[in-house]
Amino acid sequence: MSGLIDKITSDFSEAKNALNKSKGTVIDVYVENEDDIPFWKDIFEKYGLQTKIHPAS
């Protein structure tokens, strides 16, 4: 059985770096429905990202 650390690839690092470069900009995020907004808002706030979260439905 492989752990999460085995799943981290250069694609993950590239995506993380792209998000870090976006500090100071607002990222539009689309989630499945309004119930998902608080969950994702907490996660993005932990990383100091400014987001505008919209329900897709």
PDB file of N, CA and C in Angstrom:
ATOM      1  N   MET A   1       0.843  -1.173   0.000  1.00  0.00           N
ATOM      2  CA  MET A   1       0.000   0.000   0.000  1.00  0.00           C
ATOM      3  C   MET A   1       0.894   1.243   0.000  1.00  0.00           C
ATOM      4  N   SER A   2       0.597   2.171  -0.862  1.00  0.00           N
ATOM      5  CA  SER A   2       1.413   3.381  -0.924  1.00  0.00           C
ATOM      6  C   SER A   2       0.733   4.505  -0.148  1.00  0.00           C
ATOM      7  N   GLY A   3       1.552   5.379   0.401  1.00  0.00           N
ATOM      8  CA  GLY A   3       1.040   6.497   1.173  1.00  0.00           C
ATOM      9  C   GLY A   3       0.846   7.731   0.302  1.00  0.00           C
ATOM     10  N   LEU A   4       0.298   8.750   0.910  1.00  0.00           N
ATOM     11  CA  LEU A   4       0.040   9.994   0.199  1.00  0.00           C
ATOM     12  C   LEU A   4       1.331  10.603  -0.337  1.00  0.00           C
ATOM     13  N   ILE A   5       2.385  10.510   0.433  1.00  0.00           N
ATOM     14  CA  ILE A   5       3.658  11.104   0.015  1.00  0.00           C
ATOM     15  C   ILE A   5       4.153  10.507  -1.303  1.00  0.00           C
ATOM     16  N   ASP A   6       3.798   9.251  -1.565  1.00  0.00           N
ATOM     17  CA  ASP A   6       4.189   8.604  -2.818  1.00  0.00           C
ATOM     18  C   ASP A   6       3.427   9.161  -4.018  1.00  0.00           C
ATOM     19  N   LYS A   7       2.307   9.816  -3.748  1.00  0.00           N
ATOM     20  CA  LYS A   7       1.460  10.349  -4.822  1.00  0.00           C
ATOM     21  C   LYS A   7       1.858  11.759  -5.242  1.00  0.00           C
ATOM     22  N   ILE A   8       2.713  12.414  -4.473  1.00  0.00           N
ATOM     23  CA  ILE A   8       3.118  13.781  -4.798  1.00  0.00           C
ATOM     24  C   ILE A   8       4.083  13.746  -5.975  1.00  0.00           C
ATOM     25  N   THR A   9       3.714  14.449  -7.020  1.00  0.00           N
ATOM     26  CA  THR A   9       4.507  14.456  -8.243  1.00  0.00           C
ATOM     27  C   THR A   9       4.978  15.876  -8.541  1.00  0.00           C
ATOM     28  N   SER A  10       5.732  16.006  -9.592  1.00  0.00           N
ATOM     29  CA  SER A  10       6.165  17.340 -10.010  1.00  0.00           C
ATOM     30  C   SER A  10       4.974  18.175 -10.452  1.00  0.00           C
ATOM     31  N   ASP A  11       3.905  17.526 -10.944  1.00  0.00           N
ATOM     32  CA  ASP A  11       2.686  18.261 -11.306  1.00  0.00           C
ATOM     33  C   ASP A  11       2.085  18.936 -10.069  1.00  0.00           C
ATOM     34  N   PHE A  12       2.110  18.218  -8.934  1.00  0.00           N
ATOM     35  CA  PHE A  12       1.603  18.784  -7.690  1.00  0.00           C
ATOM     36  C   PHE A  12       2.440  20.000  -7.292  1.00  0.00           C
ATOM     37  N   SER A  13       3.745  19.862  -7.347  1.00  0.00           N
ATOM     38  CA  SER A  13       4.635  20.968  -6.975  1.00  0.00           C
ATOM     39  C   SER A  13       4.432  22.165  -7.895  1.00  0.00           C
ATOM     40  N   GLU A  14       4.239  21.910  -9.160  1.00  0.00           N
ATOM     41  CA  GLU A  14       4.015  22.985 -10.130  1.00  0.00           C
ATOM     42  C   GLU A  14       2.710  23.723  -9.821  1.00  0.00           C
ATOM     43  N   ALA A  15       1.655  22.978  -9.494  1.00  0.00           N
ATOM     44  CA  ALA A  15       0.365  23.589  -9.167  1.00  0.00           C
ATOM     45  C   ALA A  15       0.466  24.400  -7.878  1.00  0.00           C
ATOM     46  N   LYS A  16       1.173  23.873  -6.896  1.00  0.00           N
ATOM     47  CA  LYS A  16       1.346  24.579  -5.630  1.00  0.00           C
ATOM     48  C   LYS A  16       2.102  25.887  -5.850  1.00  0.00           C
ATOM     49  N   ASN A  17       3.141  25.854  -6.662  1.00  0.00           N
ATOM     50  CA  ASN A  17       3.904  27.067  -6.956  1.00  0.00           C
ATOM     51  C   ASN A  17       3.058  28.088  -7.702  1.00  0.00           C
ATOM     52  N   ALA A  18       2.191  27.628  -8.586  1.00  0.00           N
ATOM     53  CA  ALA A  18       1.315  28.539  -9.327  1.00  0.00           C
ATOM     54  C   ALA A  18       0.369  29.247  -8.367  1.00  0.00           C
ATOM     55  N   LEU A  19      -0.153  28.530  -7.380  1.00  0.00           N
ATOM     56  CA  LEU A  19      -1.036  29.153  -6.392  1.00  0.00           C
ATOM     57  C   LEU A  19      -0.277  30.148  -5.533  1.00  0.00           C
ATOM     58  N   ASN A  20       0.946  29.837  -5.158  1.00  0.00           N
ATOM     59  CA  ASN A  20       1.731  30.759  -4.343  1.00  0.00           C
ATOM     60  C   ASN A  20       2.027  32.053  -5.089  1.00  0.00           C
ATOM     61  N   LYS A  21       2.203  31.974  -6.398  1.00  0.00           N
ATOM     62  CA  LYS A  21       2.472  33.171  -7.191  1.00  0.00           C
ATOM     63  C   LYS A  21       1.238  34.049  -7.312  1.00  0.00           C
ATOM     64  N   SER A  22       0.050  33.473  -7.062  1.00  0.00           N
ATOM     65  CA  SER A  22      -1.183  34.219  -7.256  1.00  0.00           C
ATOM     66  C   SER A  22      -1.581  35.038  -6.030  1.00  0.00           C
ATOM     67  N   LYS A  23      -0.737  35.075  -4.996  1.00  0.00           N
ATOM     68  CA  LYS A  23      -1.081  35.841  -3.803  1.00  0.00           C
ATOM     69  C   LYS A  23      -1.341  37.290  -4.191  1.00  0.00           C
ATOM     70  N   GLY A  24      -2.426  37.834  -3.623  1.00  0.00           N
ATOM     71  CA  GLY A  24      -2.812  39.192  -3.947  1.00  0.00           C
ATOM     72  C   GLY A  24      -3.872  39.255  -5.036  1.00  0.00           C
ATOM     73  N   THR A  25      -4.104  38.156  -5.703  1.00  0.00           N
ATOM     74  CA  THR A  25      -5.171  38.111  -6.704  1.00  0.00           C
ATOM     75  C   THR A  25      -6.304  37.251  -6.161  1.00  0.00           C
ATOM     76  N   VAL A  26      -7.484  37.468  -6.697  1.00  0.00           N
ATOM     77  CA  VAL A  26      -8.653  36.704  -6.277  1.00  0.00           C
ATOM     78  C   VAL A  26      -8.861  35.566  -7.271  1.00  0.00           C
ATOM     79  N   ILE A  27      -8.975  34.360  -6.730  1.00  0.00           N
ATOM     80  CA  ILE A  27      -9.160  33.172  -7.560  1.00  0.00           C
ATOM     81  C   ILE A  27     -10.631  32.790  -7.540  1.00  0.00           C
ATOM     82  N   ASP A  28     -11.254  32.653  -8.714  1.00  0.00           N
ATOM     83  CA  ASP A  28     -12.629  32.180  -8.811  1.00  0.00           C
ATOM     84  C   ASP A  28     -12.637  30.667  -8.688  1.00  0.00           C
ATOM     85  N   VAL A  29     -13.432  30.170  -7.749  1.00  0.00           N
ATOM     86  CA  VAL A  29     -13.532  28.736  -7.500  1.00  0.00           C
ATOM     87  C   VAL A  29     -14.990  28.327  -7.671  1.00  0.00           C
ATOM     88  N   TYR A  30     -15.221  27.263  -8.427  1.00  0.00           N
ATOM     89  CA  TYR A  30     -16.570  26.740  -8.610  1.00  0.00           C
ATOM     90  C   TYR A  30     -16.667  25.398  -7.903  1.00  0.00           C
ATOM     91  N   VAL A  31     -17.684  25.286  -7.029  1.00  0.00           N
ATOM     92  CA  VAL A  31     -17.908  24.060  -6.272  1.00  0.00           C
ATOM     93  C   VAL A  31     -19.252  23.463  -6.674  1.00  0.00           C
ATOM     94  N   GLU A  32     -19.475  22.230  -6.252  1.00  0.00           N
ATOM     95  CA  GLU A  32     -20.674  21.514  -6.679  1.00  0.00           C
ATOM     96  C   GLU A  32     -21.967  22.204  -6.243  1.00  0.00           C
ATOM     97  N   ASN A  33     -22.056  22.605  -4.985  1.00  0.00           N
ATOM     98  CA  ASN A  33     -23.252  23.319  -4.522  1.00  0.00           C
ATOM     99  C   ASN A  33     -22.904  24.193  -3.319  1.00  0.00           C
ATOM    100  N   GLU A  34     -23.893  24.941  -2.833  1.00  0.00           N
ATOM    101  CA  GLU A  34     -23.645  25.903  -1.756  1.00  0.00           C
ATOM    102  C   GLU A  34     -23.153  25.247  -0.468  1.00  0.00           C
ATOM    103  N   ASP A  35     -23.524  23.988  -0.244  1.00  0.00           N
ATOM    104  CA  ASP A  35     -23.087  23.290   0.966  1.00  0.00           C
ATOM    105  C   ASP A  35     -21.577  23.104   1.013  1.00  0.00           C
ATOM    106  N   ASP A  36     -20.912  23.139  -0.137  1.00  0.00           N
ATOM    107  CA  ASP A  36     -19.463  22.933  -0.210  1.00  0.00           C
ATOM    108  C   ASP A  36     -18.657  24.202   0.051  1.00  0.00           C
ATOM    109  N   ILE A  37     -19.295  25.348   0.018  1.00  0.00           N
ATOM    110  CA  ILE A  37     -18.583  26.622   0.137  1.00  0.00           C
ATOM    111  C   ILE A  37     -17.807  26.739   1.450  1.00  0.00           C
ATOM    112  N   PRO A  38     -18.427  26.495   2.628  1.00  0.00           N
ATOM    113  CA  PRO A  38     -17.649  26.636   3.883  1.00  0.00           C
ATOM    114  C   PRO A  38     -16.446  25.703   3.951  1.00  0.00           C
ATOM    115  N   PHE A  39     -16.593  24.490   3.451  1.00  0.00           N
ATOM    116  CA  PHE A  39     -15.488  23.526   3.466  1.00  0.00           C
ATOM    117  C   PHE A  39     -14.295  24.063   2.688  1.00  0.00           C
ATOM    118  N   TRP A  40     -14.526  24.468   1.437  1.00  0.00           N
ATOM    119  CA  TRP A  40     -13.427  24.939   0.590  1.00  0.00           C
ATOM    120  C   TRP A  40     -12.896  26.291   1.047  1.00  0.00           C
ATOM    121  N   LYS A  41     -13.772  27.142   1.566  1.00  0.00           N
ATOM    122  CA  LYS A  41     -13.322  28.447   2.062  1.00  0.00           C
ATOM    123  C   LYS A  41     -12.284  28.267   3.167  1.00  0.00           C
ATOM    124  N   ASP A  42     -12.557  27.345   4.103  1.00  0.00           N
ATOM    125  CA  ASP A  42     -11.600  27.074   5.187  1.00  0.00           C
ATOM    126  C   ASP A  42     -10.262  26.593   4.652  1.00  0.00           C
ATOM    127  N   ILE A  43     -10.291  25.724   3.676  1.00  0.00           N
ATOM    128  CA  ILE A  43      -9.039  25.188   3.117  1.00  0.00           C
ATOM    129  C   ILE A  43      -8.224  26.283   2.438  1.00  0.00           C
ATOM    130  N   PHE A  44      -8.874  27.084   1.601  1.00  0.00           N
ATOM    131  CA  PHE A  44      -8.136  28.139   0.897  1.00  0.00           C
ATOM    132  C   PHE A  44      -7.623  29.200   1.865  1.00  0.00           C
ATOM    133  N   GLU A  45      -8.378  29.488   2.917  1.00  0.00           N
ATOM    134  CA  GLU A  45      -7.920  30.477   3.897  1.00  0.00           C
ATOM    135  C   GLU A  45      -6.682  29.998   4.644  1.00  0.00           C
ATOM    136  N   LYS A  46      -6.565  28.693   4.872  1.00  0.00           N
ATOM    137  CA  LYS A  46      -5.372  28.152   5.547  1.00  0.00           C
ATOM    138  C   LYS A  46      -4.105  28.482   4.774  1.00  0.00           C
ATOM    139  N   TYR A  47      -4.221  28.566   3.452  1.00  0.00           N
ATOM    140  CA  TYR A  47      -3.063  28.840   2.610  1.00  0.00           C
ATOM    141  C   TYR A  47      -2.976  30.311   2.223  1.00  0.00           C
ATOM    142  N   GLY A  48      -3.840  31.142   2.796  1.00  0.00           N
ATOM    143  CA  GLY A  48      -3.784  32.576   2.562  1.00  0.00           C
ATOM    144  C   GLY A  48      -4.201  32.993   1.160  1.00  0.00           C
ATOM    145  N   LEU A  49      -5.027  32.175   0.519  1.00  0.00           N
ATOM    146  CA  LEU A  49      -5.469  32.496  -0.842  1.00  0.00           C
ATOM    147  C   LEU A  49      -6.800  33.229  -0.804  1.00  0.00           C
ATOM    148  N   GLN A  50      -6.890  34.281  -1.576  1.00  0.00           N
ATOM    149  CA  GLN A  50      -8.142  35.011  -1.677  1.00  0.00           C
ATOM    150  C   GLN A  50      -8.977  34.378  -2.772  1.00  0.00           C
ATOM    151  N   THR A  51     -10.192  33.991  -2.402  1.00  0.00           N
ATOM    152  CA  THR A  51     -11.047  33.295  -3.363  1.00  0.00           C
ATOM    153  C   THR A  51     -12.427  33.907  -3.400  1.00  0.00           C
ATOM    154  N   LYS A  52     -13.086  33.704  -4.502  1.00  0.00           N
ATOM    155  CA  LYS A  52     -14.491  34.016  -4.668  1.00  0.00           C
ATOM    156  C   LYS A  52     -15.118  32.687  -5.060  1.00  0.00           C
ATOM    157  N   ILE A  53     -15.888  32.100  -4.144  1.00  0.00           N
ATOM    158  CA  ILE A  53     -16.393  30.747  -4.345  1.00  0.00           C
ATOM    159  C   ILE A  53     -17.844  30.797  -4.827  1.00  0.00           C
ATOM    160  N   HIS A  54     -18.090  30.104  -5.916  1.00  0.00           N
ATOM    161  CA  HIS A  54     -19.416  30.078  -6.540  1.00  0.00           C
ATOM    162  C   HIS A  54     -19.934  28.638  -6.620  1.00  0.00           C
ATOM    163  N   PRO A  55     -21.211  28.445  -6.310  1.00  0.00           N
ATOM    164  CA  PRO A  55     -21.786  27.116  -6.540  1.00  0.00           C
ATOM    165  C   PRO A  55     -22.028  26.940  -8.049  1.00  0.00           C
ATOM    166  N   ALA A  56     -21.721  25.776  -8.559  1.00  0.00           N
ATOM    167  CA  ALA A  56     -21.905  25.527  -9.989  1.00  0.00           C
ATOM    168  C   ALA A  56     -23.375  25.303 -10.325  1.00  0.00           C
ATOM    169  N   SER A  57     -24.153  24.858  -9.336  1.00  0.00           N
ATOM    170  CA  SER A  57     -25.570  24.593  -9.626  1.00  0.00           C
ATOM    171  C   SER A  57     -26.454  25.685  -9.085  1.00  0.00           C
TER     172      SER A  57
END
